[in-house]
PDB file of N, CA and C in Angstrom:
ATOM      1  N   UNK A   1      17.912-124.427  34.435  1.00  0.00           N
ATOM      2  CA  UNK A   1      17.984-123.433  35.173  1.00  0.00           C
ATOM      3  C   UNK A   1      16.502-123.013  35.417  1.00  0.00           C
ATOM      4  N   UNK A   2      16.097-123.090  36.805  1.00  0.00           N
ATOM      5  CA  UNK A   2      14.901-122.780  37.376  1.00  0.00           C
ATOM      6  C   UNK A   2      15.053-121.289  37.764  1.00  0.00           C
ATOM      7  N   UNK A   3      13.744-120.515  37.524  1.00  0.00           N
ATOM      8  CA  UNK A   3      13.576-119.237  38.012  1.00  0.00           C
ATOM      9  C   UNK A   3      12.278-119.492  38.777  1.00  0.00           C
ATOM     10  N   UNK A   4      12.338-118.702  40.053  1.00  0.00           N
ATOM     11  CA  UNK A   4      11.476-118.622  41.010  1.00  0.00           C
ATOM     12  C   UNK A   4      10.952-117.308  41.182  1.00  0.00           C
ATOM     13  N   UNK A   5       9.883-116.937  41.429  1.00  0.00           N
ATOM     14  CA  UNK A   5       9.028-115.953  41.637  1.00  0.00           C
ATOM     15  C   UNK A   5       8.049-115.943  42.746  1.00  0.00           C
ATOM     16  N   UNK A   6       8.227-115.081  43.770  1.00  0.00           N
ATOM     17  CA  UNK A   6       7.344-115.072  44.834  1.00  0.00           C
ATOM     18  C   UNK A   6       6.355-114.216  44.916  1.00  0.00           C
ATOM     19  N   UNK A   7       5.087-114.215  45.485  1.00  0.00           N
ATOM     20  CA  UNK A   7       4.274-113.106  45.365  1.00  0.00           C
ATOM     21  C   UNK A   7       3.547-113.224  46.550  1.00  0.00           C
ATOM     22  N   UNK A   8       2.402-112.068  47.202  1.00  0.00           N
ATOM     23  CA  UNK A   8       1.541-112.408  48.120  1.00  0.00           C
ATOM     24  C   UNK A   8       2.077-111.807  49.291  1.00  0.00           C
ATOM     25  N   UNK A   9       2.942-111.227  49.607  1.00  0.00           N
ATOM     26  CA  UNK A   9       3.524-110.774  50.827  1.00  0.00           C
ATOM     27  C   UNK A   9       2.645-109.601  51.295  1.00  0.00           C
ATOM     28  N   UNK A  10       2.902-109.165  52.337  1.00  0.00           N
ATOM     29  CA  UNK A  10       2.313-107.629  52.727  1.00  0.00           C
ATOM     30  C   UNK A  10       2.240-107.365  54.304  1.00  0.00           C
ATOM     31  N   UNK A  11       1.055-106.594  54.542  1.00  0.00           N
ATOM     32  CA  UNK A  11       1.074-106.300  56.097  1.00  0.00           C
ATOM     33  C   UNK A  11      -0.012-107.081  56.721  1.00  0.00           C
ATOM     34  N   UNK A  12      -0.041-107.614  57.807  1.00  0.00           N
ATOM     35  CA  UNK A  12      -1.115-108.306  58.484  1.00  0.00           C
ATOM     36  C   UNK A  12      -0.812-108.084  59.737  1.00  0.00           C
ATOM     37  N   UNK A  13      -2.030-107.964  60.625  1.00  0.00           N
ATOM     38  CA  UNK A  13      -2.022-107.985  62.091  1.00  0.00           C
ATOM     39  C   UNK A  13      -1.697-109.069  62.658  1.00  0.00           C
ATOM     40  N   UNK A  14      -1.206-108.979  63.833  1.00  0.00           N
ATOM     41  CA  UNK A  14      -0.833-110.321  65.089  1.00  0.00           C
ATOM     42  C   UNK A  14      -2.123-110.969  64.862  1.00  0.00           C
ATOM     43  N   UNK A  15      -2.127-112.351  64.807  1.00  0.00           N
ATOM     44  CA  UNK A  15      -3.266-113.199  64.814  1.00  0.00           C
ATOM     45  C   UNK A  15      -4.090-113.689  63.466  1.00  0.00           C
ATOM     46  N   UNK A  16      -3.296-112.931  62.401  1.00  0.00           N
ATOM     47  CA  UNK A  16      -4.044-112.977  61.314  1.00  0.00           C
ATOM     48  C   UNK A  16      -3.351-113.837  60.250  1.00  0.00           C
ATOM     49  N   UNK A  17      -3.932-113.890  59.008  1.00  0.00           N
ATOM     50  CA  UNK A  17      -3.185-115.023  58.286  1.00  0.00           C
ATOM     51  C   UNK A  17      -2.872-114.346  56.775  1.00  0.00           C
ATOM     52  N   UNK A  18      -2.023-115.038  56.088  1.00  0.00           N
ATOM     53  CA  UNK A  18      -1.544-114.721  54.862  1.00  0.00           C
ATOM     54  C   UNK A  18      -0.793-115.609  54.214  1.00  0.00           C
ATOM     55  N   UNK A  19      -1.191-115.739  52.926  1.00  0.00           N
ATOM     56  CA  UNK A  19      -0.654-116.738  51.955  1.00  0.00           C
ATOM     57  C   UNK A  19       0.086-116.100  50.764  1.00  0.00           C
ATOM     58  N   UNK A  20       1.664-116.806  50.863  1.00  0.00           N
ATOM     59  CA  UNK A  20       2.628-116.478  49.753  1.00  0.00           C
ATOM     60  C   UNK A  20       2.905-117.510  48.798  1.00  0.00           C
ATOM     61  N   UNK A  21       2.929-116.926  47.803  1.00  0.00           N
ATOM     62  CA  UNK A  21       3.000-118.053  46.382  1.00  0.00           C
ATOM     63  C   UNK A  21       4.629-118.059  45.882  1.00  0.00           C
ATOM     64  N   UNK A  22       4.807-118.952  45.174  1.00  0.00           N
ATOM     65  CA  UNK A  22       5.898-119.081  44.502  1.00  0.00           C
ATOM     66  C   UNK A  22       5.733-120.039  42.987  1.00  0.00           C
ATOM     67  N   UNK A  23       6.050-119.148  42.111  1.00  0.00           N
ATOM     68  CA  UNK A  23       5.985-119.649  40.781  1.00  0.00           C
ATOM     69  C   UNK A  23       7.139-120.233  40.235  1.00  0.00           C
ATOM     70  N   UNK A  24       7.225-121.304  39.764  1.00  0.00           N
ATOM     71  CA  UNK A  24       8.398-121.541  39.072  1.00  0.00           C
ATOM     72  C   UNK A  24       8.243-122.138  37.464  1.00  0.00           C
ATOM     73  N   UNK A  25       9.760-121.628  36.881  1.00  0.00           N
ATOM     74  CA  UNK A  25       9.661-121.804  35.285  1.00  0.00           C
ATOM     75  C   UNK A  25      11.158-122.276  34.954  1.00  0.00           C
ATOM     76  N   UNK A  26      11.111-122.665  33.662  1.00  0.00           N
ATOM     77  CA  UNK A  26      12.648-123.237  33.130  1.00  0.00           C
ATOM     78  C   UNK A  26      13.045-124.429  33.543  1.00  0.00           C
ATOM     79  N   UNK A  27      12.548-125.366  34.303  1.00  0.00           N
ATOM     80  CA  UNK A  27      12.907-126.457  34.658  1.00  0.00           C
ATOM     81  C   UNK A  27      11.793-127.588  34.998  1.00  0.00           C
ATOM     82  N   UNK A  28      12.068-128.789  35.322  1.00  0.00           N
ATOM     83  CA  UNK A  28      11.192-129.710  35.510  1.00  0.00           C
ATOM     84  C   UNK A  28      10.642-129.533  37.259  1.00  0.00           C
ATOM     85  N   UNK A  29       9.700-128.874  37.496  1.00  0.00           N
ATOM     86  CA  UNK A  29       9.271-128.386  38.879  1.00  0.00           C
ATOM     87  C   UNK A  29       9.381-129.570  39.867  1.00  0.00           C
ATOM     88  N   UNK A  30       8.847-130.893  39.327  1.00  0.00           N
ATOM     89  CA  UNK A  30       8.694-131.696  39.966  1.00  0.00           C
ATOM     90  C   UNK A  30       9.964-132.510  40.403  1.00  0.00           C
ATOM     91  N   UNK A  31      10.886-132.071  39.965  1.00  0.00           N
ATOM     92  CA  UNK A  31      12.328-132.730  40.628  1.00  0.00           C
ATOM     93  C   UNK A  31      13.076-132.250  41.377  1.00  0.00           C
ATOM     94  N   UNK A  32      12.362-131.350  42.167  1.00  0.00           N
ATOM     95  CA  UNK A  32      12.926-130.794  43.346  1.00  0.00           C
ATOM     96  C   UNK A  32      11.845-130.425  44.585  1.00  0.00           C
ATOM     97  N   UNK A  33      12.601-130.907  45.668  1.00  0.00           N
ATOM     98  CA  UNK A  33      11.985-130.522  46.867  1.00  0.00           C
ATOM     99  C   UNK A  33      11.801-129.050  46.986  1.00  0.00           C
ATOM    100  N   UNK A  34      10.845-128.258  47.633  1.00  0.00           N
ATOM    101  CA  UNK A  34      10.885-126.931  47.802  1.00  0.00           C
ATOM    102  C   UNK A  34      10.554-126.463  48.978  1.00  0.00           C
ATOM    103  N   UNK A  35      11.863-125.332  49.263  1.00  0.00           N
ATOM    104  CA  UNK A  35      11.689-124.884  50.608  1.00  0.00           C
ATOM    105  C   UNK A  35      11.508-123.687  50.795  1.00  0.00           C
ATOM    106  N   UNK A  36      11.087-123.324  51.940  1.00  0.00           N
ATOM    107  CA  UNK A  36      10.858-121.811  51.991  1.00  0.00           C
ATOM    108  C   UNK A  36      11.698-121.369  53.318  1.00  0.00           C
ATOM    109  N   UNK A  37      12.141-120.197  53.138  1.00  0.00           N
ATOM    110  CA  UNK A  37      13.130-119.574  54.194  1.00  0.00           C
ATOM    111  C   UNK A  37      12.562-118.147  54.250  1.00  0.00           C
ATOM    112  N   UNK A  38      13.181-117.777  55.428  1.00  0.00           N
ATOM    113  CA  UNK A  38      13.084-116.157  55.784  1.00  0.00           C
ATOM    114  C   UNK A  38      14.051-115.394  56.468  1.00  0.00           C
ATOM    115  N   UNK A  39      14.184-114.222  56.052  1.00  0.00           N
ATOM    116  CA  UNK A  39      15.234-113.319  56.585  1.00  0.00           C
ATOM    117  C   UNK A  39      14.782-112.055  57.297  1.00  0.00           C
ATOM    118  N   UNK A  40      15.041-111.796  58.495  1.00  0.00           N
ATOM    119  CA  UNK A  40      14.533-110.720  59.089  1.00  0.00           C
ATOM    120  C   UNK A  40      16.117-109.746  59.293  1.00  0.00           C
ATOM    121  N   UNK A  41      15.984-108.599  59.104  1.00  0.00           N
ATOM    122  CA  UNK A  41      17.020-107.588  59.384  1.00  0.00           C
ATOM    123  C   UNK A  41      18.194-107.915  60.387  1.00  0.00           C
ATOM    124  N   UNK A  42      19.256-108.005  59.929  1.00  0.00           N
ATOM    125  CA  UNK A  42      20.288-108.206  61.065  1.00  0.00           C
ATOM    126  C   UNK A  42      20.419-109.580  61.317  1.00  0.00           C
ATOM    127  N   UNK A  43      19.500-110.542  60.683  1.00  0.00           N
ATOM    128  CA  UNK A  43      19.557-112.026  61.210  1.00  0.00           C
ATOM    129  C   UNK A  43      19.853-112.768  60.286  1.00  0.00           C
ATOM    130  N   UNK A  44      20.317-114.295  60.372  1.00  0.00           N
ATOM    131  CA  UNK A  44      20.525-114.954  59.253  1.00  0.00           C
ATOM    132  C   UNK A  44      19.327-115.631  58.490  1.00  0.00           C
ATOM    133  N   UNK A  45      19.635-115.891  57.256  1.00  0.00           N
ATOM    134  CA  UNK A  45      18.421-116.680  56.838  1.00  0.00           C
ATOM    135  C   UNK A  45      17.779-117.840  57.306  1.00  0.00           C
ATOM    136  N   UNK A  46      16.809-118.249  57.911  1.00  0.00           N
ATOM    137  CA  UNK A  46      16.015-119.154  58.375  1.00  0.00           C
ATOM    138  C   UNK A  46      15.510-120.033  57.820  1.00  0.00           C
ATOM    139  N   UNK A  47      15.563-121.366  58.256  1.00  0.00           N
ATOM    140  CA  UNK A  47      14.647-122.402  57.588  1.00  0.00           C
ATOM    141  C   UNK A  47      13.370-122.314  57.963  1.00  0.00           C
ATOM    142  N   UNK A  48      12.299-122.417  57.344  1.00  0.00           N
ATOM    143  CA  UNK A  48      10.888-122.324  57.317  1.00  0.00           C
ATOM    144  C   UNK A  48      10.220-123.870  57.620  1.00  0.00           C
ATOM    145  N   UNK A  49      10.468-124.263  56.308  1.00  0.00           N
ATOM    146  CA  UNK A  49       9.781-125.608  55.709  1.00  0.00           C
ATOM    147  C   UNK A  49      10.162-126.025  54.456  1.00  0.00           C
ATOM    148  N   UNK A  50       9.816-127.241  54.184  1.00  0.00           N
ATOM    149  CA  UNK A  50      10.082-127.963  52.911  1.00  0.00           C
ATOM    150  C   UNK A  50       9.123-128.990  52.450  1.00  0.00           C
ATOM    151  N   UNK A  51       8.778-128.925  51.166  1.00  0.00           N
ATOM    152  CA  UNK A  51       7.917-129.940  50.892  1.00  0.00           C
ATOM    153  C   UNK A  51       8.456-130.818  49.642  1.00  0.00           C
ATOM    154  N   UNK A  52       8.413-132.233  49.848  1.00  0.00           N
ATOM    155  CA  UNK A  52       9.082-133.015  49.098  1.00  0.00           C
ATOM    156  C   UNK A  52       8.437-132.997  47.554  1.00  0.00           C
ATOM    157  N   UNK A  53       9.081-133.537  46.816  1.00  0.00           N
ATOM    158  CA  UNK A  53       8.800-133.581  45.205  1.00  0.00           C
ATOM    159  C   UNK A  53       7.782-133.734  44.690  1.00  0.00           C
ATOM    160  N   UNK A  54       7.124-134.991  45.517  1.00  0.00           N
ATOM    161  CA  UNK A  54       5.684-135.388  45.180  1.00  0.00           C
ATOM    162  C   UNK A  54       4.423-134.598  45.880  1.00  0.00           C
ATOM    163  N   UNK A  55       5.015-133.785  46.843  1.00  0.00           N
ATOM    164  CA  UNK A  55       4.195-132.970  47.842  1.00  0.00           C
ATOM    165  C   UNK A  55       3.533-133.966  49.193  1.00  0.00           C
ATOM    166  N   UNK A  56       4.114-135.035  49.130  1.00  0.00           N
ATOM    167  CA  UNK A  56       3.635-136.077  50.295  1.00  0.00           C
ATOM    168  C   UNK A  56       4.082-136.001  51.510  1.00  0.00           C
ATOM    169  N   UNK A  57       4.906-135.260  51.640  1.00  0.00           N
ATOM    170  CA  UNK A  57       5.534-134.968  53.015  1.00  0.00           C
ATOM    171  C   UNK A  57       6.223-133.703  52.948  1.00  0.00           C
ATOM    172  N   UNK A  58       5.946-133.097  54.528  1.00  0.00           N
ATOM    173  CA  UNK A  58       6.437-131.889  54.591  1.00  0.00           C
ATOM    174  C   UNK A  58       7.194-131.663  55.813  1.00  0.00           C
ATOM    175  N   UNK A  59       8.233-130.969  56.278  1.00  0.00           N
ATOM    176  CA  UNK A  59       8.906-130.780  57.541  1.00  0.00           C
ATOM    177  C   UNK A  59       9.063-129.172  57.575  1.00  0.00           C
ATOM    178  N   UNK A  60       8.784-129.061  59.045  1.00  0.00           N
ATOM    179  CA  UNK A  60       8.595-127.574  59.248  1.00  0.00           C
ATOM    180  C   UNK A  60       9.606-127.288  60.554  1.00  0.00           C
ATOM    181  N   UNK A  61      10.157-126.037  60.647  1.00  0.00           N
ATOM    182  CA  UNK A  61      11.001-125.607  61.757  1.00  0.00           C
ATOM    183  C   UNK A  61       9.927-125.511  62.937  1.00  0.00           C
ATOM    184  N   UNK A  62      10.485-125.920  64.145  1.00  0.00           N
ATOM    185  CA  UNK A  62       9.972-125.857  65.569  1.00  0.00           C
ATOM    186  C   UNK A  62       9.097-124.386  65.663  1.00  0.00           C
ATOM    187  N   UNK A  63       9.494-123.237  65.080  1.00  0.00           N
ATOM    188  CA  UNK A  63       8.939-121.937  65.400  1.00  0.00           C
ATOM    189  C   UNK A  63       7.803-121.857  64.750  1.00  0.00           C
ATOM    190  N   UNK A  64       7.385-122.645  63.692  1.00  0.00           N
ATOM    191  CA  UNK A  64       6.347-122.363  62.716  1.00  0.00           C
ATOM    192  C   UNK A  64       5.402-123.456  62.650  1.00  0.00           C
ATOM    193  N   UNK A  65       5.894-124.627  63.140  1.00  0.00           N
ATOM    194  CA  UNK A  65       5.152-125.963  63.097  1.00  0.00           C
ATOM    195  C   UNK A  65       3.567-125.680  63.655  1.00  0.00           C
ATOM    196  N   UNK A  66       2.673-126.197  63.136  1.00  0.00           N
ATOM    197  CA  UNK A  66       1.271-126.174  63.691  1.00  0.00           C
ATOM    198  C   UNK A  66       0.587-124.691  63.343  1.00  0.00           C
ATOM    199  N   UNK A  67       1.651-123.830  62.578  1.00  0.00           N
ATOM    200  CA  UNK A  67       0.881-122.365  62.392  1.00  0.00           C
ATOM    201  C   UNK A  67       0.856-122.165  60.792  1.00  0.00           C
ATOM    202  N   UNK A  68       2.116-122.935  60.278  1.00  0.00           N
ATOM    203  CA  UNK A  68       2.327-122.801  58.726  1.00  0.00           C
ATOM    204  C   UNK A  68       1.992-124.002  57.948  1.00  0.00           C
ATOM    205  N   UNK A  69       1.750-124.108  56.597  1.00  0.00           N
ATOM    206  CA  UNK A  69       1.504-125.035  55.857  1.00  0.00           C
ATOM    207  C   UNK A  69       1.858-124.839  54.396  1.00  0.00           C
ATOM    208  N   UNK A  70       2.762-125.642  54.297  1.00  0.00           N
ATOM    209  CA  UNK A  70       3.337-125.666  52.718  1.00  0.00           C
ATOM    210  C   UNK A  70       2.717-126.667  51.771  1.00  0.00           C
ATOM    211  N   UNK A  71       2.159-126.229  50.685  1.00  0.00           N
ATOM    212  CA  UNK A  71       1.508-127.024  49.668  1.00  0.00           C
ATOM    213  C   UNK A  71       2.094-126.781  48.397  1.00  0.00           C
ATOM    214  N   UNK A  72       2.013-127.712  47.175  1.00  0.00           N
ATOM    215  CA  UNK A  72       2.570-127.637  45.931  1.00  0.00           C
ATOM    216  C   UNK A  72       1.486-128.072  45.053  1.00  0.00           C
ATOM    217  N   UNK A  73       1.483-127.470  43.988  1.00  0.00           N
ATOM    218  CA  UNK A  73       0.718-127.944  42.739  1.00  0.00           C
ATOM    219  C   UNK A  73       1.746-128.210  41.509  1.00  0.00           C
ATOM    220  N   UNK A  74       2.069-129.376  41.120  1.00  0.00           N
ATOM    221  CA  UNK A  74       3.301-129.734  40.303  1.00  0.00           C
ATOM    222  C   UNK A  74       2.608-129.516  39.006  1.00  0.00           C
ATOM    223  N   UNK A  75       1.239-129.471  38.660  1.00  0.00           N
ATOM    224  CA  UNK A  75       0.717-129.306  37.259  1.00  0.00           C
ATOM    225  C   UNK A  75       0.836-127.915  37.120  1.00  0.00           C
ATOM    226  N   UNK A  76       0.871-126.954  37.894  1.00  0.00           N
ATOM    227  CA  UNK A  76       0.758-125.434  37.896  1.00  0.00           C
ATOM    228  C   UNK A  76       2.050-124.978  38.204  1.00  0.00           C
ATOM    229  N   UNK A  77       3.106-125.711  38.783  1.00  0.00           N
ATOM    230  CA  UNK A  77       4.658-125.411  39.118  1.00  0.00           C
ATOM    231  C   UNK A  77       4.461-124.396  40.181  1.00  0.00           C
ATOM    232  N   UNK A  78       3.851-124.516  41.119  1.00  0.00           N
ATOM    233  CA  UNK A  78       3.494-123.559  42.077  1.00  0.00           C
ATOM    234  C   UNK A  78       3.911-124.185  43.463  1.00  0.00           C
ATOM    235  N   UNK A  79       4.313-123.507  44.515  1.00  0.00           N
ATOM    236  CA  UNK A  79       4.222-124.047  45.785  1.00  0.00           C
ATOM    237  C   UNK A  79       4.061-122.877  46.824  1.00  0.00           C
ATOM    238  N   UNK A  80       2.951-122.909  47.796  1.00  0.00           N
ATOM    239  CA  UNK A  80       2.327-121.948  48.266  1.00  0.00           C
ATOM    240  C   UNK A  80       2.693-122.127  50.012  1.00  0.00           C
ATOM    241  N   UNK A  81       2.757-121.085  50.756  1.00  0.00           N
ATOM    242  CA  UNK A  81       2.805-121.221  52.073  1.00  0.00           C
ATOM    243  C   UNK A  81       1.701-120.286  52.813  1.00  0.00           C
ATOM    244  N   UNK A  82       1.061-121.032  53.420  1.00  0.00           N
ATOM    245  CA  UNK A  82       0.123-120.613  54.137  1.00  0.00           C
ATOM    246  C   UNK A  82       0.396-120.291  55.607  1.00  0.00           C
ATOM    247  N   UNK A  83       0.297-119.185  56.163  1.00  0.00           N
ATOM    248  CA  UNK A  83       0.681-118.577  57.362  1.00  0.00           C
ATOM    249  C   UNK A  83      -0.322-118.161  58.203  1.00  0.00           C
ATOM    250  N   UNK A  84      -0.744-119.020  59.218  1.00  0.00           N
ATOM    251  CA  UNK A  84      -1.525-118.593  60.291  1.00  0.00           C
ATOM    252  C   UNK A  84      -1.322-117.943  61.624  1.00  0.00           C
ATOM    253  N   UNK A  85      -2.207-117.424  62.495  1.00  0.00           N
ATOM    254  CA  UNK A  85      -1.849-116.940  63.736  1.00  0.00           C
ATOM    255  C   UNK A  85      -0.432-116.407  63.834  1.00  0.00           C
ATOM    256  N   UNK A  86      -0.180-115.439  62.926  1.00  0.00           N
ATOM    257  CA  UNK A  86       1.108-114.830  62.617  1.00  0.00           C
ATOM    258  C   UNK A  86       1.340-114.011  63.910  1.00  0.00           C
ATOM    259  N   UNK A  87       2.646-114.022  64.010  1.00  0.00           N
ATOM    260  CA  UNK A  87       3.387-113.125  65.185  1.00  0.00           C
ATOM    261  C   UNK A  87       4.125-112.007  64.766  1.00  0.00           C
ATOM    262  N   UNK A  88       4.335-110.947  65.497  1.00  0.00           N
ATOM    263  CA  UNK A  88       5.314-109.836  65.214  1.00  0.00           C
ATOM    264  C   UNK A  88       6.707-110.436  64.580  1.00  0.00           C
ATOM    265  N   UNK A  89       7.002-111.452  65.405  1.00  0.00           N
ATOM    266  CA  UNK A  89       8.494-112.235  65.032  1.00  0.00           C
ATOM    267  C   UNK A  89       8.615-113.057  63.768  1.00  0.00           C
ATOM    268  N   UNK A  90       7.358-113.070  63.064  1.00  0.00           N
ATOM    269  CA  UNK A  90       7.589-113.764  61.677  1.00  0.00           C
ATOM    270  C   UNK A  90       7.717-112.915  60.795  1.00  0.00           C
ATOM    271  N   UNK A  91       7.976-111.578  61.105  1.00  0.00           N
ATOM    272  CA  UNK A  91       8.363-110.630  60.089  1.00  0.00           C
ATOM    273  C   UNK A  91       9.562-110.751  59.616  1.00  0.00           C
ATOM    274  N   UNK A  92       9.693-110.912  58.189  1.00  0.00           N
ATOM    275  CA  UNK A  92      10.829-111.220  57.408  1.00  0.00           C
ATOM    276  C   UNK A  92      10.541-111.141  56.025  1.00  0.00           C
ATOM    277  N   UNK A  93      11.610-111.150  55.327  1.00  0.00           N
ATOM    278  CA  UNK A  93      11.569-111.334  53.635  1.00  0.00           C
ATOM    279  C   UNK A  93      11.363-112.971  53.774  1.00  0.00           C
ATOM    280  N   UNK A  94      10.619-113.351  53.005  1.00  0.00           N
ATOM    281  CA  UNK A  94      10.169-114.841  52.712  1.00  0.00           C
ATOM    282  C   UNK A  94      10.833-115.270  51.280  1.00  0.00           C
ATOM    283  N   UNK A  95      11.352-116.249  51.256  1.00  0.00           N
ATOM    284  CA  UNK A  95      12.009-116.593  50.033  1.00  0.00           C
ATOM    285  C   UNK A  95      11.419-118.218  49.430  1.00  0.00           C
ATOM    286  N   UNK A  96      11.201-118.682  48.566  1.00  0.00           N
ATOM    287  CA  UNK A  96      11.503-119.965  48.290  1.00  0.00           C
ATOM    288  C   UNK A  96      12.700-120.389  47.403  1.00  0.00           C
ATOM    289  N   UNK A  97      12.797-121.650  47.489  1.00  0.00           N
ATOM    290  CA  UNK A  97      13.788-122.348  46.992  1.00  0.00           C
ATOM    291  C   UNK A  97      13.808-123.667  46.577  1.00  0.00           C
ATOM    292  N   UNK A  98      14.540-124.056  45.331  1.00  0.00           N
ATOM    293  CA  UNK A  98      14.811-125.439  44.793  1.00  0.00           C
ATOM    294  C   UNK A  98      15.700-126.129  45.439  1.00  0.00           C
ATOM    295  N   UNK A  99      15.692-127.213  46.166  1.00  0.00           N
ATOM    296  CA  UNK A  99      16.557-128.135  46.595  1.00  0.00           C
ATOM    297  C   UNK A  99      17.508-128.849  45.613  1.00  0.00           C
ATOM    298  N   UNK A 100      18.771-128.531  45.484  1.00  0.00           N
ATOM    299  CA  UNK A 100      19.443-129.383  44.636  1.00  0.00           C
ATOM    300  C   UNK A 100      20.595-130.293  45.259  1.00  0.00           C
ATOM    301  N   UNK A 101      20.810-130.213  46.557  1.00  0.00           N
ATOM    302  CA  UNK A 101      21.776-130.808  47.178  1.00  0.00           C
ATOM    303  C   UNK A 101      21.016-131.905  48.198  1.00  0.00           C
ATOM    304  N   UNK A 102      20.889-133.114  48.051  1.00  0.00           N
ATOM    305  CA  UNK A 102      20.171-133.931  48.816  1.00  0.00           C
ATOM    306  C   UNK A 102      21.076-134.926  49.585  1.00  0.00           C
ATOM    307  N   UNK A 103      22.457-134.713  49.851  1.00  0.00           N
ATOM    308  CA  UNK A 103      23.231-135.327  50.697  1.00  0.00           C
ATOM    309  C   UNK A 103      23.377-134.566  52.099  1.00  0.00           C
ATOM    310  N   UNK A 104      22.906-133.429  52.130  1.00  0.00           N
ATOM    311  CA  UNK A 104      22.979-132.865  53.451  1.00  0.00           C
ATOM    312  C   UNK A 104      21.467-132.400  54.186  1.00  0.00           C
ATOM    313  N   UNK A 105      21.535-131.753  55.135  1.00  0.00           N
ATOM    314  CA  UNK A 105      20.303-131.551  55.934  1.00  0.00           C
ATOM    315  C   UNK A 105      19.550-130.521  54.874  1.00  0.00           C
ATOM    316  N   UNK A 106      18.304-130.852  54.721  1.00  0.00           N
ATOM    317  CA  UNK A 106      17.123-130.182  53.921  1.00  0.00           C
ATOM    318  C   UNK A 106      17.097-128.522  54.758  1.00  0.00           C
ATOM    319  N   UNK A 107      17.280-128.414  56.080  1.00  0.00           N
ATOM    320  CA  UNK A 107      17.556-127.385  56.449  1.00  0.00           C
ATOM    321  C   UNK A 107      18.328-126.154  56.062  1.00  0.00           C
ATOM    322  N   UNK A 108      19.430-126.546  55.604  1.00  0.00           N
ATOM    323  CA  UNK A 108      20.820-125.774  55.096  1.00  0.00           C
ATOM    324  C   UNK A 108      20.491-125.102  53.987  1.00  0.00           C
ATOM    325  N   UNK A 109      20.621-123.557  54.107  1.00  0.00           N
ATOM    326  CA  UNK A 109      20.284-122.996  52.790  1.00  0.00           C
ATOM    327  C   UNK A 109      21.225-123.436  52.021  1.00  0.00           C
ATOM    328  N   UNK A 110      22.300-123.808  52.081  1.00  0.00           N
ATOM    329  CA  UNK A 110      23.245-124.231  51.268  1.00  0.00           C
ATOM    330  C   UNK A 110      23.085-125.427  50.253  1.00  0.00           C
ATOM    331  N   UNK A 111      21.821-126.095  50.683  1.00  0.00           N
ATOM    332  CA  UNK A 111      21.425-127.123  49.958  1.00  0.00           C
ATOM    333  C   UNK A 111      20.442-126.838  48.842  1.00  0.00           C
ATOM    334  N   UNK A 112      20.232-125.395  48.712  1.00  0.00           N
ATOM    335  CA  UNK A 112      19.298-124.949  47.785  1.00  0.00           C
ATOM    336  C   UNK A 112      19.671-124.331  46.822  1.00  0.00           C
ATOM    337  N   UNK A 113      19.810-124.533  45.278  1.00  0.00           N
ATOM    338  CA  UNK A 113      20.397-124.036  44.397  1.00  0.00           C
ATOM    339  C   UNK A 113      19.719-122.716  43.728  1.00  0.00           C
ATOM    340  N   UNK A 114      18.434-122.844  43.949  1.00  0.00           N
ATOM    341  CA  UNK A 114      17.777-121.611  43.065  1.00  0.00           C
ATOM    342  C   UNK A 114      16.807-121.016  44.051  1.00  0.00           C
ATOM    343  N   UNK A 115      16.966-119.821  43.795  1.00  0.00           N
ATOM    344  CA  UNK A 115      16.272-118.779  44.613  1.00  0.00           C
ATOM    345  C   UNK A 115      15.223-117.839  44.358  1.00  0.00           C
ATOM    346  N   UNK A 116      14.348-117.695  44.951  1.00  0.00           N
ATOM    347  CA  UNK A 116      13.425-116.602  44.287  1.00  0.00           C
ATOM    348  C   UNK A 116      13.905-115.028  45.075  1.00  0.00           C
ATOM    349  N   UNK A 117      13.444-113.852  44.492  1.00  0.00           N
ATOM    350  CA  UNK A 117      13.829-112.683  44.986  1.00  0.00           C
ATOM    351  C   UNK A 117      13.227-112.313  46.593  1.00  0.00           C
ATOM    352  N   UNK A 118      12.382-113.223  46.602  1.00  0.00           N
ATOM    353  CA  UNK A 118      11.709-112.857  48.104  1.00  0.00           C
ATOM    354  C   UNK A 118      10.578-111.932  48.048  1.00  0.00           C
ATOM    355  N   UNK A 119       9.553-112.183  49.019  1.00  0.00           N
ATOM    356  CA  UNK A 119       8.747-111.145  49.215  1.00  0.00           C
ATOM    357  C   UNK A 119       8.345-110.820  50.860  1.00  0.00           C
ATOM    358  N   UNK A 120       8.175-109.505  51.233  1.00  0.00           N
ATOM    359  CA  UNK A 120       8.102-109.029  52.694  1.00  0.00           C
ATOM    360  C   UNK A 120       6.962-109.330  53.145  1.00  0.00           C
ATOM    361  N   UNK A 121       7.122-109.685  54.182  1.00  0.00           N
ATOM    362  CA  UNK A 121       5.797-109.899  55.161  1.00  0.00           C
ATOM    363  C   UNK A 121       6.013-109.180  56.382  1.00  0.00           C
ATOM    364  N   UNK A 122       5.337-108.233  56.755  1.00  0.00           N
ATOM    365  CA  UNK A 122       5.264-107.652  58.078  1.00  0.00           C
ATOM    366  C   UNK A 122       3.812-108.085  58.764  1.00  0.00           C
ATOM    367  N   UNK A 123       4.260-108.308  60.234  1.00  0.00           N
ATOM    368  CA  UNK A 123       3.309-108.558  60.981  1.00  0.00           C
ATOM    369  C   UNK A 123       3.313-107.536  62.269  1.00  0.00           C
ATOM    370  N   UNK A 124       2.243-106.735  62.489  1.00  0.00           N
ATOM    371  CA  UNK A 124       2.004-105.774  63.090  1.00  0.00           C
ATOM    372  C   UNK A 124       1.340-106.246  64.603  1.00  0.00           C
ATOM    373  N   UNK A 125       1.827-105.522  65.480  1.00  0.00           N
ATOM    374  CA  UNK A 125       1.452-105.757  67.229  1.00  0.00           C
ATOM    375  C   UNK A 125       0.139-105.119  67.289  1.00  0.00           C
TER     376      UNK A 125
END
């Protein structure tokens, strides 16, 4: 059983930057691809990006590619999401998740079996 706890959300102006982190415990962190998702009020949970188990590869949604960067530290059991050039439409609760199903698309929330509680990111215009 893996426990995930996000931190670092907050309020930032458009064009600014924010870094959110996710700390894992209770499992072998390096066994899992780690994804980030977000959910805005009234909308479905949306894939943001994912980093491979080794940290050697990343994949991002088109809406954040070039602005967001995911990194991980397997020695510290952490994964970070660095968000630059933030826009009001990036406002959402951000979740980290550990991928447990590798038979389907990495962008599907259903392929992630462990989730954090989320952290709010608000971008003001």
